[in-house]
Protein backbone atom coordinates (compact mmCIF):
# COMPACT_ATOMS: atom_id res chain seq x y z
CA MET A 1 -17.44 -7.30 -8.32
CA THR A 2 -15.04 -6.73 -5.45
CA ASN A 3 -11.28 -7.10 -5.38
CA ALA A 4 -10.24 -9.73 -2.83
CA LEU A 5 -6.93 -7.93 -2.27
CA PHE A 6 -8.77 -4.89 -0.90
CA GLU A 7 -10.87 -6.82 1.61
CA SER A 8 -9.87 -6.74 5.26
CA SER A 9 -9.14 -9.99 7.02
CA SER A 10 -6.42 -11.37 9.22
CA LEU A 11 -5.06 -13.53 6.40
CA PRO A 12 -5.17 -13.16 2.62
CA GLN A 13 -8.19 -14.88 1.08
CA PHE A 14 -6.13 -16.78 -1.48
CA ASP A 15 -9.12 -18.77 -2.72
CA ARG A 16 -10.84 -15.51 -3.73
CA ILE A 17 -7.91 -13.76 -5.45
CA THR A 18 -8.09 -13.78 -9.23
CA PRO A 19 -5.59 -12.62 -11.85
CA ALA A 20 -7.86 -9.62 -12.50
CA ASP A 21 -7.35 -8.51 -8.86
CA VAL A 22 -3.58 -8.22 -9.13
CA GLY A 23 -3.24 -5.34 -11.62
CA PRO A 24 -5.46 -2.89 -9.70
CA ALA A 25 -3.75 -3.85 -6.43
CA ILE A 26 -0.27 -3.25 -7.88
CA ASN A 27 -1.42 0.08 -9.33
CA THR A 28 -2.74 1.09 -5.90
CA LEU A 29 0.56 0.16 -4.24
CA ILE A 30 2.52 2.17 -6.82
CA GLU A 31 0.24 5.20 -6.41
CA ARG A 32 0.60 5.08 -2.62
CA ALA A 33 4.38 4.69 -2.84
CA GLN A 34 4.61 7.66 -5.21
CA ALA A 35 2.45 9.79 -2.92
CA ALA A 36 4.58 8.83 0.10
CA LEU A 37 7.78 9.69 -1.78
CA GLU A 38 6.36 13.05 -2.84
CA THR A 39 5.42 13.74 0.77
CA VAL A 40 8.84 13.00 2.27
CA THR A 41 10.73 14.86 -0.46
CA ALA A 42 8.67 18.03 -0.19
CA PRO A 43 10.80 21.07 0.71
CA ASP A 44 8.88 21.69 3.93
CA PHE A 45 8.95 18.06 5.15
CA PRO A 46 11.24 17.59 8.18
CA ALA A 47 14.47 15.73 7.42
CA GLU A 48 14.07 13.49 10.46
CA TRP A 49 14.08 9.71 10.46
CA ASN A 50 10.99 9.34 12.67
CA ALA A 51 8.91 11.62 10.43
CA ILE A 52 10.11 9.92 7.24
CA SER A 53 9.63 6.39 8.56
CA LYS A 54 6.03 7.12 9.60
CA VAL A 55 5.19 8.02 6.01
CA LEU A 56 7.20 5.23 4.39
CA THR A 57 6.11 2.45 6.74
CA TRP A 58 5.44 -0.79 4.89
CA PRO A 59 2.93 -2.27 4.18
CA PRO A 60 0.81 0.56 2.87
CA ASN A 61 -2.44 1.04 4.73
CA ASN A 62 -5.80 -0.06 3.40
CA LEU A 63 -4.65 -2.84 1.11
CA ALA A 64 -5.68 -5.94 3.00
CA CYS A 65 -3.03 -8.28 1.66
CA SER A 66 -0.30 -5.80 0.88
CA GLY A 67 2.05 -7.54 3.27
CA ALA A 68 1.70 -10.64 1.16
CA LEU A 69 2.34 -8.91 -2.16
């Protein structure tokens, strides 16, 4: 079974999203946010807005409907 929130399309496929899809999608968003935060707070990461904003750009990549969450 696939998670509709991970499928690529121009618009969210609301008719295919189930309650079971939400938990894994939220967990993925949290994991990606934590990884991004770890990246930009690393001692060797440049303290420059352009570098930080590239890592922290929202929505996270590869979650089809993350802009809608």
